[in-house]
Protein backbone atom coordinates (compact mmCIF):
# COMPACT_ATOMS: atom_id res chain seq x y z
CA MET A 1 54.61 24.31 -73.59
CA ILE A 2 55.91 27.57 -75.72
CA PRO A 3 56.78 30.65 -73.42
CA TRP A 4 55.09 33.53 -73.46
CA ILE A 5 56.94 36.22 -75.46
CA PRO A 6 56.71 39.57 -73.47
CA ARG A 7 55.08 42.92 -74.92
CA ILE A 8 53.42 41.72 -77.60
CA HIS A 9 49.73 42.32 -76.43
CA ALA A 10 48.32 43.91 -79.75
CA MET A 11 49.92 41.51 -81.86
CA ASN A 12 47.60 39.37 -83.83
CA PRO A 13 49.19 35.80 -83.22
CA ARG A 14 48.46 34.82 -86.96
CA ASP A 15 51.53 37.45 -88.18
CA VAL A 16 53.83 35.94 -86.58
CA ASP A 17 55.68 33.37 -88.99
CA LEU A 18 57.75 30.80 -87.00
CA ASN A 19 60.61 31.05 -89.55
CA LEU A 20 60.68 34.95 -88.68
CA LEU A 21 61.74 33.69 -84.84
CA VAL A 22 64.31 31.18 -86.59
CA ILE A 23 65.65 34.48 -88.66
CA PHE A 24 65.48 36.42 -85.49
CA ASP A 25 67.14 33.95 -83.76
CA ALA A 26 69.98 33.49 -86.23
CA MET A 27 70.44 37.39 -86.28
CA ALA A 28 70.99 37.49 -82.51
CA ARG A 29 73.50 34.90 -82.01
CA HIS A 30 75.50 36.26 -85.22
CA ARG A 31 75.14 39.80 -85.71
CA GLY A 32 74.96 40.14 -89.25
CA VAL A 33 73.53 39.54 -92.55
CA SER A 34 75.41 37.94 -94.03
CA ARG A 35 76.07 35.31 -91.74
CA THR A 36 72.56 34.42 -90.76
CA ALA A 37 71.72 34.17 -94.40
CA GLU A 38 74.66 31.02 -94.68
CA ALA A 39 73.20 29.92 -91.16
CA VAL A 40 69.81 29.41 -92.09
CA GLY A 41 70.25 28.47 -95.57
CA LEU A 42 68.72 31.91 -97.17
CA SER A 43 70.00 34.58 -99.08
CA GLN A 44 71.07 37.95 -98.15
CA PRO A 45 68.09 39.91 -99.90
CA ALA A 46 65.60 36.98 -98.35
CA THR A 47 67.31 37.33 -94.67
CA SER A 48 66.89 41.41 -95.19
CA ALA A 49 63.39 41.30 -96.34
CA ALA A 50 62.55 38.78 -93.33
CA LEU A 51 64.51 41.12 -91.30
CA ALA A 52 62.03 44.01 -92.57
CA ARG A 53 58.99 41.98 -91.64
CA LEU A 54 60.27 41.44 -88.33
CA ARG A 55 60.64 44.94 -87.56
CA ALA A 56 57.11 45.52 -89.00
CA VAL A 57 55.91 42.77 -86.41
CA PHE A 58 57.38 43.93 -83.41
CA GLY A 59 57.92 47.64 -84.02
CA ASP A 60 60.99 47.97 -83.61
CA PRO A 61 64.30 48.18 -85.52
CA LEU A 62 65.27 45.04 -83.58
CA PHE A 63 69.10 45.37 -84.92
CA VAL A 64 71.17 48.21 -85.80
CA ARG A 65 74.09 48.63 -87.54
CA ALA A 66 77.30 49.54 -85.35
CA GLY A 67 80.73 49.37 -87.21
CA ALA A 68 80.48 46.18 -88.70
CA GLN A 69 77.97 44.19 -86.72
CA MET A 70 74.20 44.45 -86.79
CA GLU A 71 73.85 45.64 -82.79
CA PRO A 72 70.36 44.52 -80.64
CA THR A 73 68.35 46.89 -79.52
CA PRO A 74 67.09 46.80 -75.77
CA ARG A 75 63.86 45.78 -77.13
CA ALA A 76 65.59 42.66 -79.30
CA LEU A 77 67.81 42.11 -76.08
CA GLU A 78 64.56 41.31 -74.16
CA LEU A 79 62.99 38.94 -76.63
CA ALA A 80 66.20 36.94 -77.51
CA PRO A 81 66.62 34.10 -74.64
CA VAL A 82 62.81 34.22 -74.85
CA VAL A 83 62.78 33.32 -78.53
CA ARG A 84 65.76 30.99 -78.12
CA GLN A 85 63.80 28.90 -75.78
CA VAL A 86 60.70 29.04 -78.55
CA VAL A 87 62.86 27.97 -81.52
CA GLU A 88 64.73 24.98 -79.20
CA THR A 89 61.47 23.75 -77.93
CA ILE A 90 60.24 23.43 -81.63
CA HIS A 91 63.31 21.56 -82.59
CA ARG A 92 63.32 19.24 -80.02
CA GLU A 93 59.85 18.71 -79.24
CA ILE A 94 58.02 19.06 -82.50
CA LEU A 95 61.04 18.65 -85.26
CA GLN A 96 62.21 15.44 -83.91
CA PRO A 97 61.32 12.13 -85.04
CA ALA A 98 59.26 10.30 -82.54
CA ALA A 99 61.38 7.32 -81.11
CA PHE A 100 60.88 4.34 -79.80
CA ASP A 101 62.67 2.50 -76.64
CA PRO A 102 61.73 -1.25 -76.36
CA PRO A 103 63.50 -1.92 -73.21
CA ARG A 104 61.65 1.24 -71.31
CA SER A 105 58.50 1.45 -73.83
CA ARG A 106 54.96 0.69 -71.76
CA ARG A 107 52.76 0.76 -74.56
CA ALA A 108 49.81 -1.32 -75.67
CA PHE A 109 49.57 -3.11 -78.99
CA THR A 110 46.36 -4.76 -79.98
CA LEU A 111 46.47 -7.37 -82.94
CA LEU A 112 43.99 -8.75 -85.34
CA THR A 113 44.73 -12.69 -85.78
CA PRO A 114 42.62 -15.68 -85.49
CA ASP A 115 43.02 -18.34 -83.15
CA ILE A 116 45.63 -20.18 -85.55
CA GLY A 117 47.49 -16.80 -85.62
CA GLU A 118 47.40 -17.13 -81.45
CA VAL A 119 49.19 -20.64 -81.40
CA ALA A 120 51.09 -20.52 -84.35
CA PHE A 121 52.14 -16.40 -85.03
CA LEU A 122 52.21 -15.26 -81.22
CA PRO A 123 54.47 -17.48 -79.76
CA GLY A 124 57.37 -16.68 -81.05
CA VAL A 125 56.81 -12.87 -81.32
CA LEU A 126 56.28 -12.87 -77.22
CA ARG A 127 59.28 -14.55 -76.95
CA ARG A 128 60.92 -11.74 -78.64
CA LEU A 129 59.28 -9.07 -76.50
CA ARG A 130 60.04 -10.84 -73.18
CA ALA A 131 63.80 -10.18 -74.22
CA GLU A 132 63.70 -6.88 -75.82
CA ALA A 133 60.46 -5.00 -74.72
CA PRO A 134 59.39 -6.67 -70.86
CA HIS A 135 57.04 -4.09 -70.32
CA VAL A 136 55.27 -4.00 -73.87
CA GLN A 137 51.57 -5.35 -73.57
CA LEU A 138 50.09 -7.14 -76.25
CA GLN A 139 46.17 -8.11 -76.86
CA ALA A 140 45.01 -10.48 -79.40
CA ARG A 141 41.76 -10.36 -80.93
CA ALA A 142 39.84 -12.02 -83.77
CA MET A 143 36.95 -10.72 -85.27
CA PRO A 144 35.13 -11.18 -88.77
CA ARG A 145 37.15 -10.39 -91.23
CA GLU A 146 34.76 -7.71 -92.53
CA ALA A 147 35.50 -5.88 -89.63
CA ALA A 148 39.33 -5.48 -89.52
CA ALA A 149 39.21 -2.86 -91.76
CA GLY A 150 37.28 -0.42 -89.35
CA ALA A 151 39.20 -1.65 -86.66
CA LEU A 152 42.75 -0.59 -88.37
CA GLU A 153 41.40 2.65 -89.31
CA SER A 154 39.46 3.48 -86.25
CA GLY A 155 43.22 2.87 -84.19
CA ALA A 156 40.90 -0.02 -82.32
CA ALA A 157 43.53 -2.33 -83.34
CA GLU A 158 47.18 -1.36 -84.36
CA LEU A 159 48.20 -4.44 -87.10
CA ALA A 160 46.08 -7.70 -88.78
CA VAL A 161 48.36 -10.78 -89.15
CA GLY A 162 46.61 -13.84 -90.95
CA PHE A 163 44.65 -14.49 -93.95
CA PHE A 164 42.60 -10.97 -94.63
CA PRO A 165 41.21 -10.64 -98.18
CA ASP A 166 39.44 -7.80 -97.50
CA LEU A 167 42.12 -5.77 -96.55
CA HIS A 168 44.01 -5.47 -100.06
CA LYS A 169 42.70 -2.02 -100.66
CA ALA A 170 43.69 1.77 -101.01
CA GLY A 171 44.93 3.23 -97.46
CA PHE A 172 46.25 -0.53 -95.97
CA PHE A 173 50.07 -1.40 -96.23
CA GLN A 174 51.01 -5.21 -96.28
CA GLN A 175 54.06 -7.21 -95.79
CA GLY A 176 53.94 -11.01 -96.81
CA LEU A 177 55.08 -13.24 -94.42
CA PHE A 178 54.62 -16.74 -95.73
CA ARG A 179 52.99 -19.48 -97.95
CA THR A 180 50.85 -22.24 -96.89
CA SER A 181 48.59 -24.79 -97.43
CA TYR A 182 45.94 -27.47 -95.83
CA ALA A 183 46.85 -30.71 -94.36
CA CYS A 184 44.26 -33.42 -93.38
CA ILE A 185 44.30 -35.03 -90.40
CA THR A 186 42.34 -37.54 -88.58
CA ALA A 187 42.82 -39.36 -85.01
CA ALA A 188 46.11 -41.59 -84.68
CA GLY A 189 43.55 -44.63 -83.73
CA ASN A 190 40.90 -44.22 -86.29
CA ALA A 191 41.76 -47.57 -88.26
CA ALA A 192 38.29 -47.05 -90.85
CA ALA A 193 40.50 -43.95 -92.43
CA PRO A 194 42.92 -44.65 -95.06
CA SER A 195 46.26 -43.23 -95.22
CA ARG A 196 45.19 -41.59 -98.92
CA MET A 197 42.03 -41.11 -99.50
CA THR A 198 39.88 -41.39 -103.03
CA MET A 199 37.49 -38.41 -103.72
CA LYS A 200 34.90 -40.65 -102.97
CA GLN A 201 36.41 -41.65 -99.82
CA TYR A 202 37.06 -38.19 -98.54
CA LEU A 203 33.73 -36.53 -99.03
CA ALA A 204 31.77 -39.26 -97.66
CA ALA A 205 34.31 -39.11 -94.52
CA LYS A 206 32.62 -37.31 -91.32
CA HIS A 207 34.17 -34.08 -91.26
CA VAL A 208 34.91 -31.73 -88.50
CA VAL A 209 35.21 -27.92 -90.03
CA VAL A 210 36.40 -24.82 -88.23
CA ARG A 211 34.96 -21.42 -89.12
CA PRO A 212 36.45 -18.87 -86.79
CA ASP A 213 34.04 -16.26 -86.75
CA GLY A 214 31.64 -17.44 -89.40
CA ARG A 215 34.69 -16.96 -91.38
CA GLU A 216 34.89 -18.74 -94.84
CA HIS A 217 38.03 -20.49 -95.74
CA ALA A 218 40.11 -20.84 -99.16
CA LEU A 219 39.49 -24.41 -99.07
CA ASP A 220 35.66 -23.76 -98.67
CA ARG A 221 35.30 -21.33 -101.59
CA PHE A 222 37.71 -24.48 -103.49
CA LEU A 223 35.54 -27.42 -102.94
CA ARG A 224 32.19 -25.11 -103.47
CA ASP A 225 33.96 -23.78 -106.99
CA LYS A 226 34.10 -27.49 -108.10
CA GLY A 227 30.78 -28.64 -106.81
CA LEU A 228 32.28 -30.51 -104.18
CA GLU A 229 30.42 -31.00 -100.74
CA ARG A 230 31.89 -32.79 -97.62
CA ASP A 231 29.72 -34.37 -94.90
CA VAL A 232 29.98 -32.46 -91.84
CA ALA A 233 29.56 -33.86 -88.79
CA LEU A 234 30.78 -31.22 -86.73
CA GLU A 235 31.21 -27.32 -86.87
CA LEU A 236 33.49 -25.54 -84.74
CA SER A 237 34.60 -21.68 -83.92
CA HIS A 238 38.37 -22.34 -82.91
CA PHE A 239 41.08 -24.58 -84.09
CA ILE A 240 42.06 -25.42 -80.32
CA SER A 241 38.81 -27.50 -79.77
CA LEU A 242 40.12 -29.92 -82.13
CA LEU A 243 42.52 -30.87 -79.25
CA ALA A 244 39.88 -32.41 -77.25
CA LEU A 245 37.48 -33.44 -79.81
CA LEU A 246 39.52 -35.26 -82.40
CA PRO A 247 40.76 -37.85 -80.13
CA GLY A 248 39.07 -41.21 -80.19
CA THR A 249 36.61 -40.44 -82.92
CA ASP A 250 36.43 -41.25 -86.02
CA LEU A 251 35.98 -37.47 -87.79
CA VAL A 252 38.76 -36.12 -90.19
CA ALA A 253 39.54 -32.24 -90.68
CA THR A 254 41.21 -30.56 -93.31
CA VAL A 255 42.95 -27.55 -91.51
CA PRO A 256 46.10 -25.13 -92.30
CA GLN A 257 49.42 -26.82 -92.10
CA ASP A 258 50.46 -24.63 -89.07
CA ILE A 259 47.41 -25.98 -87.31
CA ALA A 260 47.99 -29.88 -87.90
CA THR A 261 51.59 -29.12 -86.82
CA VAL A 262 50.26 -27.70 -83.64
CA LEU A 263 48.09 -30.25 -82.91
CA GLU A 264 50.73 -33.15 -83.79
CA ARG A 265 52.69 -31.52 -80.55
CA HIS A 266 49.73 -32.07 -78.05
CA ILE A 267 47.76 -34.99 -79.01
CA ALA A 268 48.31 -38.42 -81.56
CA VAL A 269 47.03 -37.38 -85.52
CA ARG A 270 47.66 -39.09 -88.68
CA ARG A 271 47.90 -36.93 -91.48
CA ILE A 272 45.67 -38.54 -94.58
CA GLU A 273 47.12 -37.85 -98.07
CA LEU A 274 44.29 -35.56 -100.16
CA PRO A 275 43.12 -36.65 -103.20
CA PHE A 276 43.26 -33.08 -104.24
CA LYS A 277 45.77 -30.33 -104.69
CA PRO A 278 44.59 -27.74 -101.85
CA PRO A 279 44.48 -24.15 -102.36
CA GLN A 280 47.29 -22.22 -100.85
CA ILE A 281 47.02 -19.47 -98.25
CA GLU A 282 49.03 -16.20 -98.37
CA VAL A 283 49.71 -15.07 -94.89
CA GLN A 284 50.42 -10.98 -94.37
CA GLN A 285 50.03 -8.69 -92.20
CA PHE A 286 48.32 -5.62 -93.17
CA TRP A 287 48.30 -1.87 -91.31
CA HIS A 288 46.34 1.51 -91.84
CA ARG A 289 48.54 4.01 -93.41
CA ARG A 290 47.79 6.27 -90.52
CA MET A 291 50.31 4.01 -88.41
CA HIS A 292 53.04 3.59 -91.23
CA HIS A 293 55.51 5.68 -90.08
CA ASP A 294 54.95 5.48 -86.06
CA ALA A 295 58.20 4.28 -84.33
CA GLY A 296 56.62 1.87 -82.37
CA HIS A 297 54.40 0.23 -84.91
CA VAL A 298 57.55 0.24 -87.30
CA TRP A 299 59.53 -1.76 -84.47
CA LEU A 300 56.59 -4.35 -83.74
CA ARG A 301 55.99 -5.12 -87.69
CA GLY A 302 59.80 -5.53 -87.88
CA VAL A 303 59.48 -8.52 -85.05
CA VAL A 304 56.41 -10.04 -86.27
CA HIS A 305 58.12 -10.30 -89.63
CA ALA A 306 61.46 -11.15 -88.20
CA VAL A 307 59.94 -14.34 -86.46
CA ASN A 308 57.29 -15.46 -88.52
CA ARG A 309 58.84 -14.99 -92.23
CA ARG A 310 59.41 -18.81 -93.67
CA GLY A 311 59.95 -20.10 -97.30
CA PRO A 312 56.99 -21.52 -99.38
CA ASN A 313 55.49 -24.15 -97.33
CA GLU A 314 57.97 -23.96 -95.26
CA PRO A 315 56.86 -25.94 -91.78
CA LEU A 316 56.04 -24.21 -88.74
CA PRO A 317 59.33 -23.41 -87.07
CA ALA A 318 59.11 -25.52 -83.10
């Protein structure tokens, strides 16, 4: 709280320029126009003009010539400690950049990412947080792509990690993490599926398609643009459901490379060579400009980038 300055009852606060208080504080300490001007980085005429304004504002000479120095009047002596406290408060609590202390912070962050992000991007981030910021909380949320911009703009979420083409627009920053593609997988015991499919075999196979929150994948657009249509036997909302639904079936699934890698770590699957070169997926993190300079947000972005940065088509680390 900025302390009350005594005996300014008739004064309009709009008449008090905070820069004048800085001049007053320097004059109270240096007792000379030239020394005050040097301390605050102004010319002597500008400092003298500021002193004249101070005298007019407070209705008091404030500092008068006494030998080689400018000595304070009783009114200036009364004001000096209060003004000093005001100036120190402004410097300490307003002008200093906000700090973020990861080991002590209890801040909560909300990230937008589909379930692929929860299983592929977040584990490494969580390990770093447990080691460096054990009290920081993360909440991962999935929502339709068109809703992501509004959530970042309003502050309902601080960061979006994944494939968000709708966020390539003014007002948002983006940082690339890695580029990946798609893999076709099936249960290891599916003897009917060859290790390499022709286009005819691929389109005729029974496909399970995952569209989180109804999202269209780059692969969907790729096939549609080529006039190709798969035989979709099952459509899901979550990639993780493939853990239970692929084993023991003849279904095939064309999924992002990271999902294929995660599934291979938990169930017996086999990769099938695709009869076409699949499209690339650019995985990035996005944030709104309102968060660009926030110290905690800068730190979180650094962690996400450090943990998930990869070279082109580099596999998901263990």
